[in-house]
N, C-alpha and C. Protein backbone atom coordinates (compact mmCIF):
# COMPACT_ATOMS: atom_id res chain seq x y z
N MET A 1 26.44 -150.21 53.22
CA MET A 1 25.95 -151.10 52.95
C MET A 1 25.23 -151.57 54.32
N LEU A 2 23.91 -151.32 54.41
CA LEU A 2 22.87 -152.01 55.05
C LEU A 2 22.80 -153.74 55.43
N ILE A 3 22.79 -154.25 56.36
CA ILE A 3 22.81 -155.59 56.44
C ILE A 3 21.75 -155.99 57.61
N ARG A 4 20.84 -156.73 57.20
CA ARG A 4 20.02 -157.68 58.50
C ARG A 4 21.14 -158.28 59.66
N HIS A 5 20.89 -158.50 60.44
CA HIS A 5 21.13 -159.34 61.53
C HIS A 5 21.02 -160.81 61.29
N GLY A 6 22.31 -161.09 62.34
CA GLY A 6 22.13 -162.28 62.19
C GLY A 6 21.00 -163.34 62.28
N GLU A 7 21.15 -164.61 62.23
CA GLU A 7 19.46 -165.03 62.92
C GLU A 7 19.75 -165.27 64.54
N THR A 8 18.23 -165.57 64.51
CA THR A 8 18.16 -165.56 65.99
C THR A 8 17.29 -167.08 66.34
N ALA A 9 16.91 -167.46 67.37
CA ALA A 9 15.76 -167.96 67.83
C ALA A 9 14.17 -168.14 67.44
N TYR A 10 14.05 -166.76 67.47
CA TYR A 10 12.62 -166.40 66.78
C TYR A 10 12.68 -166.62 64.76
N ASN A 11 13.67 -166.30 64.52
CA ASN A 11 13.81 -166.10 63.41
C ASN A 11 13.68 -167.65 62.96
N HIS A 12 13.91 -168.80 63.55
CA HIS A 12 14.72 -170.35 63.14
C HIS A 12 12.93 -170.42 63.52
N ALA A 13 12.39 -170.39 64.63
CA ALA A 13 10.70 -170.53 64.65
C ALA A 13 9.85 -170.25 64.53
N GLY A 14 10.25 -168.78 63.50
CA GLY A 14 9.35 -168.30 62.44
C GLY A 14 8.27 -167.26 63.45
N ARG A 15 8.33 -166.71 64.37
CA ARG A 15 8.17 -166.05 65.55
C ARG A 15 8.41 -164.33 64.90
N PHE A 16 7.23 -163.75 65.14
CA PHE A 16 7.34 -161.75 64.79
C PHE A 16 8.67 -161.18 66.02
N GLN A 17 9.19 -160.72 65.35
CA GLN A 17 10.80 -160.06 66.26
C GLN A 17 10.81 -158.90 66.26
N ALA A 18 10.31 -158.14 67.05
CA ALA A 18 10.54 -156.58 66.78
C ALA A 18 11.34 -156.07 67.89
N HIS A 19 10.44 -155.28 68.83
CA HIS A 19 11.28 -155.23 70.02
C HIS A 19 11.69 -155.57 70.97
N VAL A 20 11.20 -157.30 71.08
CA VAL A 20 11.51 -157.95 72.05
C VAL A 20 13.00 -158.74 71.66
N ASP A 21 13.74 -158.72 72.94
CA ASP A 21 15.10 -158.57 72.81
C ASP A 21 16.00 -159.57 72.91
N ILE A 22 15.89 -160.52 72.23
CA ILE A 22 16.61 -161.47 72.20
C ILE A 22 18.17 -161.77 71.73
N PRO A 23 19.10 -162.45 71.66
CA PRO A 23 20.61 -162.76 71.21
C PRO A 23 20.31 -163.35 70.09
N LEU A 24 21.31 -163.45 69.02
CA LEU A 24 21.70 -164.23 68.15
C LEU A 24 21.32 -165.94 68.50
N ASN A 25 21.63 -166.58 67.63
CA ASN A 25 21.75 -168.23 68.19
C ASN A 25 23.09 -168.54 67.35
N GLU A 26 23.51 -169.51 67.60
CA GLU A 26 24.84 -170.21 67.21
C GLU A 26 24.50 -169.85 65.39
N THR A 27 23.71 -170.18 64.93
CA THR A 27 23.83 -169.77 63.58
C THR A 27 23.53 -168.31 63.22
N GLY A 28 23.42 -167.54 63.42
CA GLY A 28 23.46 -166.64 63.29
C GLY A 28 24.63 -165.83 63.88
N ARG A 29 25.34 -166.37 64.84
CA ARG A 29 26.85 -165.74 64.90
C ARG A 29 28.22 -166.45 63.63
N ALA A 30 27.32 -167.51 63.59
CA ALA A 30 28.72 -168.22 62.49
C ALA A 30 28.38 -167.42 61.23
N GLN A 31 27.01 -166.21 60.49
CA GLN A 31 26.47 -166.12 59.99
C GLN A 31 26.94 -164.57 59.97
N ALA A 32 27.07 -164.13 60.78
CA ALA A 32 27.95 -162.77 61.07
C ALA A 32 29.95 -162.60 61.14
N ARG A 33 29.88 -163.72 61.71
CA ARG A 33 31.26 -164.21 61.62
C ARG A 33 32.13 -164.49 59.90
N ALA A 34 31.44 -165.10 59.11
CA ALA A 34 31.64 -165.28 58.37
C ALA A 34 31.20 -163.92 57.19
N VAL A 35 30.50 -163.50 57.48
CA VAL A 35 30.08 -161.93 56.61
C VAL A 35 31.78 -161.31 57.02
N ALA A 36 32.33 -160.95 58.04
CA ALA A 36 33.10 -160.50 58.44
C ALA A 36 34.61 -161.12 57.96
N ARG A 37 34.44 -162.07 58.21
CA ARG A 37 36.02 -162.77 57.19
C ARG A 37 36.27 -162.13 55.84
N ARG A 38 34.72 -161.92 54.87
CA ARG A 38 35.16 -161.92 53.68
C ARG A 38 35.04 -160.16 53.60
N LEU A 39 35.37 -159.31 54.75
CA LEU A 39 34.67 -158.09 53.86
C LEU A 39 36.41 -157.71 54.02
N ASP A 40 37.03 -156.64 53.30
CA ASP A 40 38.13 -155.83 53.45
C ASP A 40 37.92 -155.03 53.92
N PRO A 41 38.84 -155.15 55.46
CA PRO A 41 38.87 -153.91 56.35
C PRO A 41 39.49 -152.59 55.69
N ARG A 42 40.02 -152.79 54.77
CA ARG A 42 40.94 -151.22 54.06
C ARG A 42 39.68 -150.58 53.65
N ARG A 43 38.17 -151.04 53.64
CA ARG A 43 37.27 -150.61 52.85
C ARG A 43 36.30 -149.71 54.05
N TRP A 44 36.50 -150.29 55.15
CA TRP A 44 35.02 -149.95 55.67
C TRP A 44 35.46 -149.05 56.90
N ASN A 45 35.04 -147.55 57.10
CA ASN A 45 35.31 -146.47 58.14
C ASN A 45 34.71 -146.64 59.56
N LEU A 46 33.38 -147.47 59.57
CA LEU A 46 32.38 -146.96 60.83
C LEU A 46 31.46 -148.69 60.33
N VAL A 47 31.11 -149.14 61.71
CA VAL A 47 30.11 -149.75 61.96
C VAL A 47 28.84 -149.44 62.86
N VAL A 48 27.88 -149.43 62.72
CA VAL A 48 26.32 -148.81 63.26
C VAL A 48 25.08 -149.75 63.49
N SER A 49 25.03 -150.04 64.69
CA SER A 49 23.76 -150.77 64.76
C SER A 49 22.37 -150.18 65.62
N SER A 50 21.69 -150.67 65.53
CA SER A 50 20.79 -150.49 66.46
C SER A 50 21.10 -150.62 67.59
N ASP A 51 20.35 -150.59 68.91
CA ASP A 51 20.42 -150.93 70.47
C ASP A 51 19.98 -152.40 70.85
N LEU A 52 19.26 -153.22 69.75
CA LEU A 52 18.54 -154.56 70.11
C LEU A 52 19.88 -155.23 70.05
N THR A 53 19.86 -156.06 70.96
CA THR A 53 21.01 -157.18 71.59
C THR A 53 21.27 -158.16 69.77
N ARG A 54 20.34 -158.66 68.65
CA ARG A 54 20.49 -159.38 68.01
C ARG A 54 21.17 -158.19 66.96
N SER A 55 21.22 -157.25 67.07
CA SER A 55 21.90 -156.28 66.01
C SER A 55 22.97 -156.30 66.46
N ALA A 56 23.28 -155.66 67.58
CA ALA A 56 24.69 -155.13 68.51
C ALA A 56 25.74 -156.27 68.47
N GLU A 57 24.92 -157.29 68.44
CA GLU A 57 26.17 -158.37 68.43
C GLU A 57 26.85 -159.03 67.27
N THR A 58 25.57 -158.95 66.28
CA THR A 58 26.25 -158.88 64.83
C THR A 58 27.26 -158.04 64.76
N ALA A 59 26.65 -156.31 64.81
CA ALA A 59 28.19 -155.86 64.32
C ALA A 59 29.23 -155.68 65.66
N ASP A 60 28.67 -156.26 66.24
CA ASP A 60 30.46 -156.62 67.32
C ASP A 60 31.18 -157.32 66.67
N LEU A 61 30.83 -158.31 66.28
CA LEU A 61 31.34 -159.36 65.59
C LEU A 61 31.78 -158.80 64.47
N ILE A 62 31.48 -158.17 63.54
CA ILE A 62 31.96 -157.48 62.61
C ILE A 62 33.09 -156.28 62.66
N ALA A 63 32.53 -155.63 63.81
CA ALA A 63 33.68 -154.29 64.10
C ALA A 63 34.85 -155.18 64.53
N GLN A 64 34.90 -156.10 65.57
CA GLN A 64 36.21 -156.74 65.88
C GLN A 64 37.19 -157.37 64.54
N LYS A 65 36.32 -157.92 63.87
CA LYS A 65 36.90 -158.31 63.19
C LYS A 65 37.47 -157.35 61.83
N ILE A 66 37.07 -156.59 61.49
CA ILE A 66 37.27 -155.84 60.47
C ILE A 66 38.64 -154.45 61.04
N GLN A 67 38.08 -154.23 62.47
CA GLN A 67 38.74 -153.48 63.22
C GLN A 67 38.47 -151.70 62.43
N ALA A 68 36.89 -151.94 62.66
CA ALA A 68 36.62 -150.17 62.78
C ALA A 68 35.95 -149.83 63.57
N PRO A 69 35.47 -148.81 63.49
CA PRO A 69 35.11 -148.13 65.17
C PRO A 69 33.60 -148.29 64.97
N ARG A 70 32.85 -148.55 66.14
CA ARG A 70 31.74 -148.99 66.34
C ARG A 70 30.41 -147.79 67.22
N ILE A 71 29.45 -148.01 66.65
CA ILE A 71 28.42 -147.00 67.57
C ILE A 71 27.34 -147.32 67.39
N THR A 72 26.13 -146.98 68.35
CA THR A 72 24.95 -147.56 68.59
C THR A 72 24.08 -146.78 68.34
N LEU A 73 22.73 -146.76 67.42
CA LEU A 73 21.70 -145.49 67.19
C LEU A 73 20.76 -146.87 67.48
N PRO A 74 19.78 -146.12 68.52
CA PRO A 74 18.17 -146.95 68.70
C PRO A 74 17.59 -146.46 67.64
N ALA A 75 17.29 -145.14 66.98
CA ALA A 75 16.72 -145.05 65.46
C ALA A 75 16.62 -145.99 65.02
N LEU A 76 17.68 -146.90 64.80
CA LEU A 76 17.78 -147.87 63.95
C LEU A 76 16.82 -149.40 64.22
N ARG A 77 16.31 -148.84 64.99
CA ARG A 77 15.40 -150.50 66.05
C ARG A 77 14.15 -150.77 64.88
N GLU A 78 13.97 -152.08 65.00
CA GLU A 78 13.09 -152.58 64.27
C GLU A 78 11.75 -151.82 64.28
N ARG A 79 10.90 -151.69 63.28
CA ARG A 79 9.36 -151.32 63.42
C ARG A 79 8.69 -152.22 64.78
N GLY A 80 8.02 -151.05 65.83
CA GLY A 80 7.65 -151.97 66.56
C GLY A 80 6.21 -152.29 66.13
N LEU A 81 6.12 -154.18 66.55
CA LEU A 81 5.00 -154.82 66.54
C LEU A 81 3.75 -154.68 67.48
N GLY A 82 4.20 -153.72 68.93
CA GLY A 82 3.19 -154.30 70.04
C GLY A 82 2.91 -155.63 70.61
N GLU A 83 1.41 -155.79 70.32
CA GLU A 83 1.09 -156.96 70.69
C GLU A 83 1.30 -158.17 69.80
N LEU A 84 1.76 -158.27 69.08
CA LEU A 84 2.57 -159.56 67.72
C LEU A 84 3.69 -160.08 68.44
N ASP A 85 4.45 -159.33 69.05
CA ASP A 85 5.63 -159.79 69.07
C ASP A 85 6.07 -160.93 69.82
N GLY A 86 6.54 -161.93 69.49
CA GLY A 86 6.45 -163.16 69.97
C GLY A 86 6.01 -164.18 68.99
N LEU A 87 4.85 -163.82 68.46
CA LEU A 87 3.67 -164.62 68.20
C LEU A 87 4.07 -165.28 66.99
N GLU A 88 3.59 -166.67 66.33
CA GLU A 88 3.76 -167.37 65.18
C GLU A 88 3.71 -166.57 63.84
N THR A 89 3.78 -166.52 62.82
CA THR A 89 3.57 -165.81 62.21
C THR A 89 2.82 -166.46 60.78
N LYS A 90 2.62 -167.69 60.70
CA LYS A 90 2.40 -168.53 60.09
C LYS A 90 0.60 -168.59 60.82
N GLU A 91 0.77 -168.64 61.91
CA GLU A 91 -0.35 -168.87 62.42
C GLU A 91 -1.63 -167.99 63.00
N TYR A 92 -0.34 -166.42 63.06
CA TYR A 92 -1.34 -164.80 62.84
C TYR A 92 -1.65 -164.78 61.52
N ALA A 93 -1.26 -165.48 60.33
CA ALA A 93 -1.70 -165.09 59.11
C ALA A 93 -2.97 -166.04 58.78
N LEU A 94 -2.61 -167.56 59.37
CA LEU A 94 -3.99 -167.76 58.69
C LEU A 94 -5.31 -167.16 60.09
N ARG A 95 -5.24 -166.84 61.01
CA ARG A 95 -6.32 -166.58 61.82
C ARG A 95 -6.32 -164.93 61.43
N HIS A 96 -6.01 -163.98 60.80
CA HIS A 96 -6.13 -163.24 60.47
C HIS A 96 -5.17 -162.00 59.37
N PRO A 97 -5.94 -163.28 58.04
CA PRO A 97 -4.83 -162.94 56.91
C PRO A 97 -4.74 -161.31 56.32
N GLU A 98 -5.60 -160.62 56.51
CA GLU A 98 -6.26 -159.29 55.93
C GLU A 98 -5.11 -158.52 56.81
N ASP A 99 -5.21 -158.38 58.63
CA ASP A 99 -4.18 -157.76 59.09
C ASP A 99 -2.54 -158.05 58.77
N MET A 100 -2.55 -159.54 58.12
CA MET A 100 -1.40 -159.67 58.28
C MET A 100 -0.74 -159.07 56.54
N ARG A 101 -1.99 -158.85 55.74
CA ARG A 101 -1.36 -158.42 54.22
C ARG A 101 -1.51 -156.82 54.75
N ARG A 102 -1.97 -156.75 55.41
CA ARG A 102 -1.84 -154.96 55.85
C ARG A 102 -0.77 -154.37 56.60
N LEU A 103 -0.26 -155.69 57.34
CA LEU A 103 1.22 -155.57 58.15
C LEU A 103 1.84 -155.18 57.11
N GLN A 104 2.22 -155.92 55.85
CA GLN A 104 3.24 -156.60 55.05
C GLN A 104 3.62 -155.47 53.87
N THR A 105 2.12 -154.63 53.94
CA THR A 105 2.08 -153.70 52.55
C THR A 105 1.52 -152.68 52.35
N GLU A 106 1.25 -151.96 53.72
CA GLU A 106 0.58 -150.80 53.84
C GLU A 106 1.48 -149.44 55.00
N TYR A 107 2.00 -148.54 54.31
CA TYR A 107 2.60 -147.73 55.42
C TYR A 107 1.96 -147.08 56.22
N ASP A 108 0.70 -147.05 56.57
CA ASP A 108 0.31 -146.56 57.62
C ASP A 108 -0.94 -147.40 58.16
N TYR A 109 -0.79 -149.03 58.23
CA TYR A 109 -1.15 -149.52 59.39
C TYR A 109 -0.35 -149.87 60.25
N ALA A 110 -0.98 -149.40 61.82
CA ALA A 110 -0.14 -150.30 62.87
C ALA A 110 -0.82 -151.16 63.47
N PRO A 111 -0.26 -152.47 63.99
CA PRO A 111 -0.78 -153.32 64.21
C PRO A 111 -0.98 -153.02 65.84
N PRO A 112 -1.82 -153.05 66.46
CA PRO A 112 -2.20 -153.34 68.54
C PRO A 112 -1.12 -152.57 69.02
N GLY A 113 -0.82 -151.95 69.35
CA GLY A 113 0.26 -151.16 70.45
C GLY A 113 1.55 -150.65 69.27
N GLY A 114 1.24 -151.49 68.50
CA GLY A 114 2.80 -151.28 67.27
C GLY A 114 3.10 -150.09 66.86
N GLU A 115 3.51 -149.88 65.70
CA GLU A 115 3.96 -148.69 64.80
C GLU A 115 3.82 -148.57 63.37
N THR A 116 3.49 -147.64 62.78
CA THR A 116 3.07 -147.70 61.32
C THR A 116 4.39 -148.04 60.90
N ALA A 117 4.54 -148.24 59.04
CA ALA A 117 5.62 -148.43 58.78
C ALA A 117 6.26 -147.30 58.63
N THR A 118 5.31 -146.17 58.41
CA THR A 118 5.51 -145.40 58.05
C THR A 118 6.70 -144.22 59.43
N ASP A 119 5.93 -144.25 60.54
CA ASP A 119 6.57 -144.00 61.49
C ASP A 119 8.03 -144.50 61.55
N ALA A 120 7.65 -146.02 61.87
CA ALA A 120 8.95 -146.35 61.92
C ALA A 120 10.34 -146.22 61.06
N LEU A 121 10.04 -145.79 59.24
CA LEU A 121 10.67 -145.88 58.39
C LEU A 121 11.26 -144.33 58.48
N ASP A 122 10.41 -142.93 59.26
CA ASP A 122 11.18 -141.76 59.15
C ASP A 122 11.85 -142.01 60.35
N ARG A 123 11.62 -142.30 61.44
CA ARG A 123 12.66 -142.91 62.09
C ARG A 123 13.84 -143.73 62.17
N PHE A 124 13.97 -144.37 61.28
CA PHE A 124 14.79 -145.43 60.72
C PHE A 124 16.04 -144.24 60.17
N CYS A 125 15.44 -143.34 59.06
CA CYS A 125 15.40 -142.53 58.20
C CYS A 125 16.48 -141.28 59.00
N ARG A 126 16.23 -140.76 59.99
CA ARG A 126 16.57 -139.82 60.76
C ARG A 126 17.86 -140.47 61.36
N GLY A 127 17.87 -141.39 61.49
CA GLY A 127 19.41 -142.60 62.28
C GLY A 127 19.99 -142.35 60.92
N LEU A 128 19.33 -143.04 59.58
CA LEU A 128 20.87 -142.52 58.92
C LEU A 128 21.02 -141.37 58.46
N SER A 129 20.39 -140.47 58.64
CA SER A 129 20.70 -138.71 58.23
C SER A 129 21.38 -138.62 59.40
N SER A 130 21.50 -138.63 60.42
CA SER A 130 22.39 -138.75 61.21
C SER A 130 24.25 -139.16 60.98
N ILE A 131 23.90 -139.99 60.48
CA ILE A 131 25.15 -140.98 60.34
C ILE A 131 25.70 -140.52 59.18
N VAL A 132 24.92 -139.85 57.89
CA VAL A 132 25.14 -139.02 56.83
C VAL A 132 26.25 -137.96 57.59
N GLU A 133 25.29 -136.86 58.08
CA GLU A 133 25.76 -136.02 58.65
C GLU A 133 26.75 -136.22 59.57
N GLY A 134 27.26 -136.95 60.30
CA GLY A 134 28.14 -136.85 61.58
C GLY A 134 29.70 -137.43 60.76
N ARG A 135 29.84 -137.95 59.55
CA ARG A 135 30.76 -138.57 58.90
C ARG A 135 31.50 -137.39 57.73
N ARG A 136 30.54 -136.02 57.73
CA ARG A 136 31.30 -135.08 57.13
C ARG A 136 32.65 -134.37 58.31
N PRO A 137 33.20 -133.92 57.05
CA PRO A 137 33.10 -133.48 55.54
C PRO A 137 33.96 -134.09 55.18
N GLY A 138 34.72 -135.77 55.17
CA GLY A 138 34.83 -136.54 54.93
C GLY A 138 33.68 -136.89 53.43
N ALA A 139 34.09 -137.40 52.16
CA ALA A 139 33.65 -138.03 51.66
C ALA A 139 34.15 -139.44 50.94
N GLY A 140 33.11 -140.01 50.39
CA GLY A 140 33.19 -141.66 49.79
C GLY A 140 33.45 -142.49 50.78
N GLN A 141 32.85 -142.45 52.05
CA GLN A 141 33.29 -142.68 53.53
C GLN A 141 32.23 -144.66 53.35
N ALA A 142 32.80 -145.33 53.59
CA ALA A 142 31.85 -146.40 53.96
C ALA A 142 31.90 -146.99 54.88
N VAL A 143 30.19 -147.05 55.31
CA VAL A 143 29.38 -147.28 56.64
C VAL A 143 28.93 -148.54 56.50
N LEU A 144 28.97 -149.74 57.51
CA LEU A 144 28.37 -150.62 57.57
C LEU A 144 27.20 -150.69 58.36
N VAL A 145 26.01 -150.59 58.14
CA VAL A 145 24.72 -150.41 59.13
C VAL A 145 24.11 -151.91 59.81
N VAL A 146 24.23 -152.42 60.55
CA VAL A 146 23.28 -153.41 60.64
C VAL A 146 21.94 -153.12 61.57
N ALA A 147 20.55 -153.68 60.34
CA ALA A 147 19.67 -152.99 61.17
C ALA A 147 18.33 -154.45 61.38
N HIS A 148 17.65 -154.61 60.51
CA HIS A 148 16.29 -155.43 60.80
C HIS A 148 15.59 -155.36 59.31
N GLY A 149 14.82 -156.58 59.50
CA GLY A 149 14.28 -157.13 58.28
C GLY A 149 13.18 -156.02 57.67
N ALA A 150 11.99 -156.06 58.67
CA ALA A 150 10.55 -154.70 58.29
C ALA A 150 11.34 -153.96 57.94
N VAL A 151 12.43 -152.84 58.91
CA VAL A 151 12.73 -151.34 58.26
C VAL A 151 13.19 -151.70 57.25
N LEU A 152 14.42 -152.53 56.80
CA LEU A 152 14.75 -152.65 55.23
C LEU A 152 13.86 -152.43 54.12
N LYS A 153 13.01 -153.53 54.73
CA LYS A 153 11.77 -154.28 53.41
C LYS A 153 11.19 -152.60 53.02
N PHE A 154 10.99 -152.02 54.09
CA PHE A 154 10.18 -150.35 54.01
C PHE A 154 10.96 -149.84 53.09
N PHE A 155 11.93 -149.41 53.56
CA PHE A 155 13.00 -148.78 53.55
C PHE A 155 13.63 -149.29 51.53
N GLY A 156 13.69 -150.06 51.53
CA GLY A 156 13.76 -150.46 49.80
C GLY A 156 12.66 -149.92 48.73
N ALA A 157 11.66 -150.56 49.35
CA ALA A 157 10.62 -150.22 48.91
C ALA A 157 10.42 -148.78 48.64
N ARG A 158 10.63 -147.66 49.43
CA ARG A 158 10.83 -146.23 49.00
C ARG A 158 11.38 -146.19 48.10
N LEU A 159 12.86 -146.50 48.22
CA LEU A 159 13.76 -146.01 47.22
C LEU A 159 13.69 -146.75 45.91
N LEU A 160 13.22 -147.58 46.15
CA LEU A 160 13.25 -148.25 44.23
C LEU A 160 11.81 -147.98 44.10
N ARG A 161 10.91 -147.45 44.67
CA ARG A 161 9.75 -146.83 44.15
C ARG A 161 8.67 -148.29 43.73
N ARG A 162 8.73 -149.08 44.49
CA ARG A 162 7.99 -150.35 44.31
C ARG A 162 6.87 -150.45 45.59
N ASP A 163 5.96 -151.12 45.00
CA ASP A 163 4.94 -151.78 46.16
C ASP A 163 5.85 -152.81 47.44
N PRO A 164 5.67 -152.54 48.61
CA PRO A 164 6.03 -152.97 49.67
C PRO A 164 6.38 -154.55 49.30
N ALA A 165 4.92 -154.89 49.12
CA ALA A 165 4.21 -155.95 48.67
C ALA A 165 5.54 -157.17 47.74
N ASP A 166 5.93 -156.29 46.72
CA ASP A 166 6.68 -156.70 45.62
C ASP A 166 8.44 -156.50 46.31
N VAL A 167 9.00 -156.59 47.51
CA VAL A 167 10.01 -156.32 47.80
C VAL A 167 10.18 -156.94 49.07
N GLU A 168 11.09 -157.92 48.83
CA GLU A 168 11.50 -159.28 49.42
C GLU A 168 12.27 -158.72 50.85
N LEU A 169 12.18 -159.64 52.02
CA LEU A 169 13.40 -158.93 53.59
C LEU A 169 14.19 -159.75 52.64
N PRO A 170 15.24 -158.71 53.13
CA PRO A 170 16.58 -159.42 53.33
C PRO A 170 16.67 -160.72 54.04
N GLY A 171 17.69 -161.47 53.71
CA GLY A 171 17.87 -162.59 54.65
C GLY A 171 18.78 -162.17 55.87
N ASN A 172 18.73 -162.86 56.91
CA ASN A 172 19.99 -162.77 57.48
C ASN A 172 21.22 -163.01 57.15
N CYS A 173 22.28 -161.96 57.77
CA CYS A 173 23.12 -161.39 57.31
C CYS A 173 23.17 -160.78 55.70
N ARG A 174 22.38 -160.48 55.26
CA ARG A 174 22.06 -160.41 53.58
C ARG A 174 22.21 -158.91 53.89
N GLY A 175 22.96 -158.02 52.51
CA GLY A 175 23.02 -156.89 52.34
C GLY A 175 21.96 -155.76 51.29
N VAL A 176 22.07 -154.67 52.20
CA VAL A 176 21.31 -153.48 50.64
C VAL A 176 22.66 -152.80 50.87
N ALA A 177 23.13 -152.64 49.39
CA ALA A 177 23.99 -151.38 49.43
C ALA A 177 23.33 -149.77 48.69
N VAL A 178 23.85 -148.95 49.74
CA VAL A 178 22.89 -147.71 48.87
C VAL A 178 23.89 -146.80 49.07
N VAL A 179 24.16 -146.01 48.07
CA VAL A 179 25.24 -144.55 48.49
C VAL A 179 24.24 -143.71 48.82
N LEU A 180 24.72 -142.84 50.09
CA LEU A 180 23.70 -141.38 50.00
C LEU A 180 24.47 -140.41 50.26
N GLY A 181 24.03 -139.53 49.87
CA GLY A 181 24.35 -138.24 49.72
C GLY A 181 23.45 -137.01 50.00
N GLY A 182 23.94 -135.87 50.03
CA GLY A 182 23.12 -134.03 49.86
C GLY A 182 23.19 -134.35 51.43
N ALA A 183 21.86 -133.51 51.42
CA ALA A 183 21.79 -133.32 53.27
C ALA A 183 20.47 -133.93 53.76
N PRO A 184 20.05 -135.07 53.80
CA PRO A 184 18.77 -135.94 53.92
C PRO A 184 18.15 -135.35 55.40
N ALA A 185 19.12 -134.70 56.56
CA ALA A 185 18.00 -133.98 57.33
C ALA A 185 17.06 -133.06 57.22
N THR A 186 17.79 -132.21 55.95
CA THR A 186 16.89 -130.96 55.28
C THR A 186 16.04 -131.53 54.28
N GLY A 187 15.56 -132.66 54.03
CA GLY A 187 15.11 -133.26 52.53
C GLY A 187 15.84 -133.15 51.20
N ASP A 188 17.21 -132.68 51.29
CA ASP A 188 17.82 -132.35 49.90
C ASP A 188 18.95 -133.56 49.56
N GLY A 189 18.78 -134.83 50.48
CA GLY A 189 19.53 -135.83 50.09
C GLY A 189 19.12 -136.65 48.91
N TRP A 190 19.94 -137.56 48.95
CA TRP A 190 19.70 -138.78 47.76
C TRP A 190 20.01 -139.90 48.01
N ALA A 191 19.89 -140.80 47.41
CA ALA A 191 19.88 -142.47 47.77
C ALA A 191 19.99 -143.03 46.38
N ASP A 192 20.75 -143.91 46.23
CA ASP A 192 21.06 -144.61 44.90
C ASP A 192 21.35 -146.16 45.65
N VAL A 193 20.43 -147.30 45.40
CA VAL A 193 20.32 -148.34 45.71
C VAL A 193 21.74 -149.09 44.70
N ARG A 194 22.26 -149.25 44.97
CA ARG A 194 23.69 -150.48 44.15
C ARG A 194 23.30 -151.90 44.17
N GLY A 195 22.72 -152.25 45.70
CA GLY A 195 22.78 -154.08 45.36
C GLY A 195 21.46 -154.38 46.50
N TRP A 196 20.74 -155.28 46.51
CA TRP A 196 19.59 -156.10 47.15
C TRP A 196 19.21 -157.23 47.29
N ASP A 197 19.81 -157.71 48.86
CA ASP A 197 19.74 -159.37 49.30
C ASP A 197 20.84 -159.61 48.64
N VAL A 198 21.99 -159.23 49.05
CA VAL A 198 23.39 -159.35 48.39
C VAL A 198 24.42 -159.86 49.19
N ALA A 199 25.18 -160.69 49.06
CA ALA A 199 26.58 -161.19 50.11
C ALA A 199 26.94 -159.59 49.91
N PRO A 200 27.37 -159.09 51.62
CA PRO A 200 27.68 -157.67 51.50
C PRO A 200 29.11 -157.39 50.88
N HIS A 201 30.20 -158.72 50.68
CA HIS A 201 31.55 -158.51 50.32
C HIS A 201 31.41 -158.35 48.81
N ASN A 202 30.47 -158.58 48.51
CA ASN A 202 30.35 -158.38 46.88
C ASN A 202 29.58 -156.92 46.35
N CYS A 203 29.55 -156.39 47.72
CA CYS A 203 29.41 -154.76 46.70
C CYS A 203 29.87 -153.72 47.64
N GLU A 204 31.81 -154.10 47.96
CA GLU A 204 32.55 -153.57 48.47
C GLU A 204 33.13 -152.34 47.78
N GLY A 205 32.85 -152.59 46.44
CA GLY A 205 33.07 -151.56 45.21
C GLY A 205 31.96 -150.52 44.91
N SER A 206 30.69 -151.24 45.02
CA SER A 206 29.74 -150.72 44.27
C SER A 206 29.60 -149.13 44.46
N TRP A 207 30.10 -148.25 45.36
CA TRP A 207 30.30 -147.11 45.36
C TRP A 207 31.07 -146.39 44.97
N GLY A 208 31.88 -146.69 44.06
CA GLY A 208 33.12 -146.10 43.50
C GLY A 208 34.54 -146.46 44.56
N GLU A 209 35.74 -145.39 43.98
CA GLU A 209 36.81 -145.84 44.89
C GLU A 209 36.99 -144.55 45.81
């Protein structure tokens, strides 16, 4: 289960938020606690997050409640946006509509000082592969990954074979249920999307018993 972190002040204000490192706001903390209350602790083997505070804090609140082991992977960071970090998204879209379109829909576009979606997604998938490889030889293990909106959007578009323009960002503390198998690091892996922008507890059984 991949979930987006809880709300921050930048989310609330409608600002770009990539590698700028700000904490959850009170709404975000409440969202994370609400997710944790509804998860079944017996189903979860591990909680993983990126190293950015908003992701790590969300993961900590969940892991403490469900009493699951907890690790951090910098590879799961949000896509780097360089000079866009902290700018108001609506104002940027009005001033630079074509750049905004490319940012949201093109895999190989990089904002000034930032990453392409392809580079960010490749990094993110290497992080997921390390989780899959690290959990062997056990099979059928449930891992909750706390990540970020933009990488989840492009990850979902790739898995669903859809244009990124047609894939919405998951909401804060909303989930993407995915079954991963094989050997992703060698290109022999596979993935099956079982739910998109869902309440995480609603997909606890989506990968089978």
